[in-house]
Amino acid sequence: MLDKIEQLKKEIEAMVAQSADEVEQLRIKYLSKKGEVSKLFAEFRNVPAEQKREVGQAINTCGILPRNALMFCEVVFRSKKTVQLALI
């Protein structure tokens, strides 16, 4: 599961949005109720007890990265600029 989380982190760090609409699409893909981060939390219940702390922290980080990047991009797009989301 940690490999899957790491892969998702890399995907998140490589995100690029060129418009406010793309930012919204990325938000839906990663942070919505049926998004990628929510899927990780759903799989979390199957993680062995001795790994829960490490896996839980990794999933939380995975959720924080896109949330912070997308909030930053929303502000920047108000000034009409293209932004690579991995700035944070």
C-alpha atoms as a PDB file:
ATOM      1  CA  MET A   1       0.000   0.000   0.000  1.00  0.00           C
ATOM      2  CA  LEU A   2       2.900   2.353   0.682  1.00  0.00           C
ATOM      3  CA  ASP A   3       4.037   1.893  -2.928  1.00  0.00           C
ATOM      4  CA  LYS A   4       0.582   2.884  -4.135  1.00  0.00           C
ATOM      5  CA  ILE A   5       0.632   5.972  -1.901  1.00  0.00           C
ATOM      6  CA  GLU A   6       4.093   6.934  -3.128  1.00  0.00           C
ATOM      7  CA  GLN A   7       2.969   6.570  -6.734  1.00  0.00           C
ATOM      8  CA  LEU A   8      -0.027   8.817  -6.064  1.00  0.00           C
ATOM      9  CA  LYS A   9       2.233  11.404  -4.383  1.00  0.00           C
ATOM     10  CA  LYS A  10       4.429  11.500  -7.483  1.00  0.00           C
ATOM     11  CA  GLU A  11       1.359  11.891  -9.680  1.00  0.00           C
ATOM     12  CA  ILE A  12       0.116  14.741  -7.490  1.00  0.00           C
ATOM     13  CA  GLU A  13       3.498  16.465  -7.523  1.00  0.00           C
ATOM     14  CA  ALA A  14       3.519  16.363 -11.329  1.00  0.00           C
ATOM     15  CA  MET A  15       0.046  17.896 -11.730  1.00  0.00           C
ATOM     16  CA  VAL A  16      -0.221  20.886 -14.037  1.00  0.00           C
ATOM     17  CA  ALA A  17      -3.266  23.088 -14.510  1.00  0.00           C
ATOM     18  CA  GLN A  18      -3.667  25.785 -17.115  1.00  0.00           C
ATOM     19  CA  SER A  19      -7.060  27.095 -16.102  1.00  0.00           C
ATOM     20  CA  ALA A  20      -9.411  27.328 -13.180  1.00  0.00           C
ATOM     21  CA  ASP A  21     -11.511  24.588 -14.800  1.00  0.00           C
ATOM     22  CA  GLU A  22      -8.525  22.234 -14.798  1.00  0.00           C
ATOM     23  CA  VAL A  23      -7.915  23.019 -11.131  1.00  0.00           C
ATOM     24  CA  GLU A  24     -11.506  22.015 -10.405  1.00  0.00           C
ATOM     25  CA  GLN A  25     -11.134  18.785 -12.402  1.00  0.00           C
ATOM     26  CA  LEU A  26      -8.003  17.905 -10.444  1.00  0.00           C
ATOM     27  CA  ARG A  27      -9.752  18.694  -7.171  1.00  0.00           C
ATOM     28  CA  ILE A  28     -12.543  16.311  -8.105  1.00  0.00           C
ATOM     29  CA  LYS A  29     -10.112  13.605  -9.232  1.00  0.00           C
ATOM     30  CA  TYR A  30      -8.046  13.662  -6.044  1.00  0.00           C
ATOM     31  CA  LEU A  31     -10.121  15.170  -3.237  1.00  0.00           C
ATOM     32  CA  SER A  32     -13.767  14.388  -3.928  1.00  0.00           C
ATOM     33  CA  LYS A  33     -15.732  11.779  -2.019  1.00  0.00           C
ATOM     34  CA  LYS A  34     -14.944   9.236  -4.760  1.00  0.00           C
ATOM     35  CA  GLY A  35     -11.469  10.642  -5.434  1.00  0.00           C
ATOM     36  CA  GLU A  36      -8.092   8.972  -5.250  1.00  0.00           C
ATOM     37  CA  VAL A  37      -7.347  10.017  -1.656  1.00  0.00           C
ATOM     38  CA  SER A  38     -10.741   8.737  -0.472  1.00  0.00           C
ATOM     39  CA  LYS A  39     -10.016   5.413  -2.159  1.00  0.00           C
ATOM     40  CA  LEU A  40      -6.811   5.143  -0.148  1.00  0.00           C
ATOM     41  CA  PHE A  41      -8.722   5.736   3.077  1.00  0.00           C
ATOM     42  CA  ALA A  42     -11.201   3.026   2.065  1.00  0.00           C
ATOM     43  CA  GLU A  43      -8.322   0.568   1.570  1.00  0.00           C
ATOM     44  CA  PHE A  44      -6.784   1.647   4.882  1.00  0.00           C
ATOM     45  CA  ARG A  45      -9.131  -0.605   6.851  1.00  0.00           C
ATOM     46  CA  ASN A  46      -7.361  -3.624   5.317  1.00  0.00           C
ATOM     47  CA  VAL A  47      -3.915  -2.543   6.513  1.00  0.00           C
ATOM     48  CA  PRO A  48      -2.402  -4.684   9.296  1.00  0.00           C
ATOM     49  CA  ALA A  49      -2.466  -3.008  12.721  1.00  0.00           C
ATOM     50  CA  GLU A  50       1.321  -2.745  12.927  1.00  0.00           C
ATOM     51  CA  GLN A  51       1.416  -0.695   9.692  1.00  0.00           C
ATOM     52  CA  LYS A  52      -1.567   1.579  10.344  1.00  0.00           C
ATOM     53  CA  ARG A  53       0.424   4.461  11.814  1.00  0.00           C
ATOM     54  CA  GLU A  54       2.898   4.661   8.927  1.00  0.00           C
ATOM     55  CA  VAL A  55       0.270   4.131   6.232  1.00  0.00           C
ATOM     56  CA  GLY A  56      -2.161   6.586   7.865  1.00  0.00           C
ATOM     57  CA  GLN A  57       0.473   9.326   7.984  1.00  0.00           C
ATOM     58  CA  ALA A  58       1.373   8.694   4.341  1.00  0.00           C
ATOM     59  CA  ILE A  59      -2.278   8.909   3.277  1.00  0.00           C
ATOM     60  CA  ASN A  60      -2.758  12.138   5.236  1.00  0.00           C
ATOM     61  CA  THR A  61       0.257  13.652   3.490  1.00  0.00           C
ATOM     62  CA  CYS A  62      -1.148  12.485   0.182  1.00  0.00           C
ATOM     63  CA  GLY A  63      -4.376  14.363   0.949  1.00  0.00           C
ATOM     64  CA  ILE A  64      -2.661  17.521   2.150  1.00  0.00           C
ATOM     65  CA  LEU A  65      -0.455  17.935  -0.938  1.00  0.00           C
ATOM     66  CA  PRO A  66      -3.223  18.396  -3.506  1.00  0.00           C
ATOM     67  CA  ARG A  67      -5.417  20.388  -1.114  1.00  0.00           C
ATOM     68  CA  ASN A  68      -2.674  22.955  -0.507  1.00  0.00           C
ATOM     69  CA  ALA A  69      -1.597  23.065  -4.145  1.00  0.00           C
ATOM     70  CA  LEU A  70      -5.147  23.500  -5.410  1.00  0.00           C
ATOM     71  CA  MET A  71      -5.910  26.272  -2.921  1.00  0.00           C
ATOM     72  CA  PHE A  72      -2.746  28.072  -4.038  1.00  0.00           C
ATOM     73  CA  CYS A  73      -3.694  27.679  -7.699  1.00  0.00           C
ATOM     74  CA  GLU A  74      -7.180  29.044  -7.191  1.00  0.00           C
ATOM     75  CA  VAL A  75      -5.656  32.251  -5.864  1.00  0.00           C
ATOM     76  CA  VAL A  76      -3.121  32.442  -8.693  1.00  0.00           C
ATOM     77  CA  PHE A  77      -5.723  31.814 -11.397  1.00  0.00           C
ATOM     78  CA  ARG A  78      -7.563  34.881 -10.258  1.00  0.00           C
ATOM     79  CA  SER A  79      -4.604  36.675 -11.828  1.00  0.00           C
ATOM     80  CA  LYS A  80      -4.889  34.474 -14.986  1.00  0.00           C
ATOM     81  CA  LYS A  81      -1.593  32.569 -14.866  1.00  0.00           C
ATOM     82  CA  THR A  82      -0.637  28.976 -15.662  1.00  0.00           C
ATOM     83  CA  VAL A  83       0.704  27.184 -12.631  1.00  0.00           C
ATOM     84  CA  GLN A  84       2.404  23.890 -11.980  1.00  0.00           C
ATOM     85  CA  LEU A  85       0.668  22.478  -8.925  1.00  0.00           C
ATOM     86  CA  ALA A  86       3.781  20.864  -7.501  1.00  0.00           C
ATOM     87  CA  LEU A  87       5.068  24.172  -6.135  1.00  0.00           C
ATOM     88  CA  ILE A  88       4.160  23.181  -2.586  1.00  0.00           C
END
